[in-house]
Amino acid sequence: MKAGYVRVSTIEQNEERQIVELRKNGVEKFFVDKVSAKSAQRPKFDEMMNFLEDVFTKKKCYNSLVMRKKYDTDLTDEQWNEIA
């Protein structure tokens, strides 16, 4: 899944144009901050970075489970279905 970050400087500004462009490039999940460029705090950017870390970790775990399913008989089909 592709994630994208959008920032506009004020609440009055519309982020939709940026979102449209990101969608054209396959982005599915958006994190939008409406904060001044002067502000060092970007909560949605931080949230996106945590999300990406979680996605990477989950994908890594899933890939490990796929390999275990392929080469190890410890998991029954029923157990596999519960996990996957």
Protein backbone atom coordinates (compact mmCIF):
# COMPACT_ATOMS: atom_id res chain seq x y z
CA MET A 1 0.00 0.00 0.00
CA LYS A 2 1.29 3.43 -0.90
CA ALA A 3 0.91 6.20 1.66
CA GLY A 4 1.19 9.90 0.97
CA TYR A 5 1.77 13.03 2.99
CA VAL A 6 0.00 16.29 2.23
CA ARG A 7 0.58 19.63 3.94
CA VAL A 8 -1.19 22.92 3.51
CA SER A 9 -0.31 26.01 5.48
CA THR A 10 -3.74 27.07 6.69
CA ILE A 11 -7.10 25.55 7.49
CA GLU A 12 -8.58 27.62 4.66
CA GLN A 13 -6.35 26.00 2.04
CA ASN A 14 -7.65 22.95 0.20
CA GLU A 15 -5.50 19.85 0.10
CA GLU A 16 -7.62 18.14 -2.57
CA ARG A 17 -5.38 19.06 -5.52
CA GLN A 18 -2.41 17.35 -3.87
CA ILE A 19 -4.52 14.31 -3.01
CA VAL A 20 -5.74 14.03 -6.61
CA GLU A 21 -2.14 13.96 -7.86
CA LEU A 22 -1.12 11.37 -5.29
CA ARG A 23 -4.10 9.18 -6.25
CA LYS A 24 -2.93 9.29 -9.87
CA ASN A 25 0.29 7.71 -8.61
CA GLY A 26 -1.41 4.90 -6.75
CA VAL A 27 -1.45 6.38 -3.25
CA GLU A 28 -4.26 4.86 -1.19
CA LYS A 29 -3.77 6.26 2.31
CA PHE A 30 -3.33 9.95 3.03
CA PHE A 31 -1.98 11.84 6.01
CA VAL A 32 -2.87 15.54 5.94
CA ASP A 33 -1.42 18.30 8.08
CA LYS A 34 -2.81 21.82 8.04
CA VAL A 35 0.08 23.63 9.66
CA SER A 36 2.32 26.56 8.83
CA ALA A 37 5.69 25.83 7.25
CA LYS A 38 7.18 27.61 10.27
CA SER A 39 5.86 24.91 12.59
CA ALA A 40 8.25 22.07 13.33
CA GLN A 41 5.38 19.92 14.59
CA ARG A 42 3.81 17.78 11.92
CA PRO A 43 1.61 15.25 13.75
CA LYS A 44 0.21 13.60 10.61
CA PHE A 45 3.71 13.20 9.18
CA ASP A 46 4.75 11.44 12.39
CA GLU A 47 1.60 9.31 12.19
CA MET A 48 2.46 8.36 8.61
CA MET A 49 5.97 7.33 9.59
CA ASN A 50 4.57 5.13 12.37
CA PHE A 51 2.04 3.66 9.96
CA LEU A 52 4.74 2.84 7.42
CA GLU A 53 6.84 1.23 10.12
CA ASP A 54 3.83 -0.87 11.18
CA VAL A 55 3.08 -1.84 7.58
CA PHE A 56 6.69 -2.90 7.03
CA THR A 57 6.70 -4.89 10.27
CA LYS A 58 3.36 -6.54 9.47
CA LYS A 59 4.49 -7.40 5.94
CA LYS A 60 7.72 -8.85 7.27
CA CYS A 61 5.78 -10.99 9.78
CA TYR A 62 3.32 -12.08 7.11
CA ASN A 63 6.15 -13.06 4.76
CA SER A 64 7.74 -15.08 7.57
CA LEU A 65 4.44 -16.87 8.16
CA VAL A 66 4.12 -17.63 4.44
CA MET A 67 7.58 -19.18 4.42
CA ARG A 68 6.78 -21.17 7.56
CA LYS A 69 3.55 -22.43 6.01
CA LYS A 70 5.46 -23.48 2.91
CA TYR A 71 8.32 -25.28 4.65
CA ASP A 72 6.99 -26.22 8.07
CA THR A 73 4.13 -28.50 8.99
CA ASP A 74 3.61 -27.12 12.51
CA LEU A 75 0.65 -25.00 11.41
CA THR A 76 -2.58 -26.68 10.43
CA ASP A 77 -4.67 -25.16 7.65
CA GLU A 78 -7.17 -23.99 10.27
CA GLN A 79 -4.44 -22.24 12.27
CA TRP A 80 -3.05 -20.68 9.13
CA ASN A 81 -6.47 -19.30 8.16
CA GLU A 82 -6.84 -17.71 11.60
CA ILE A 83 -3.50 -15.93 11.23
CA ALA A 84 -3.68 -14.89 7.58
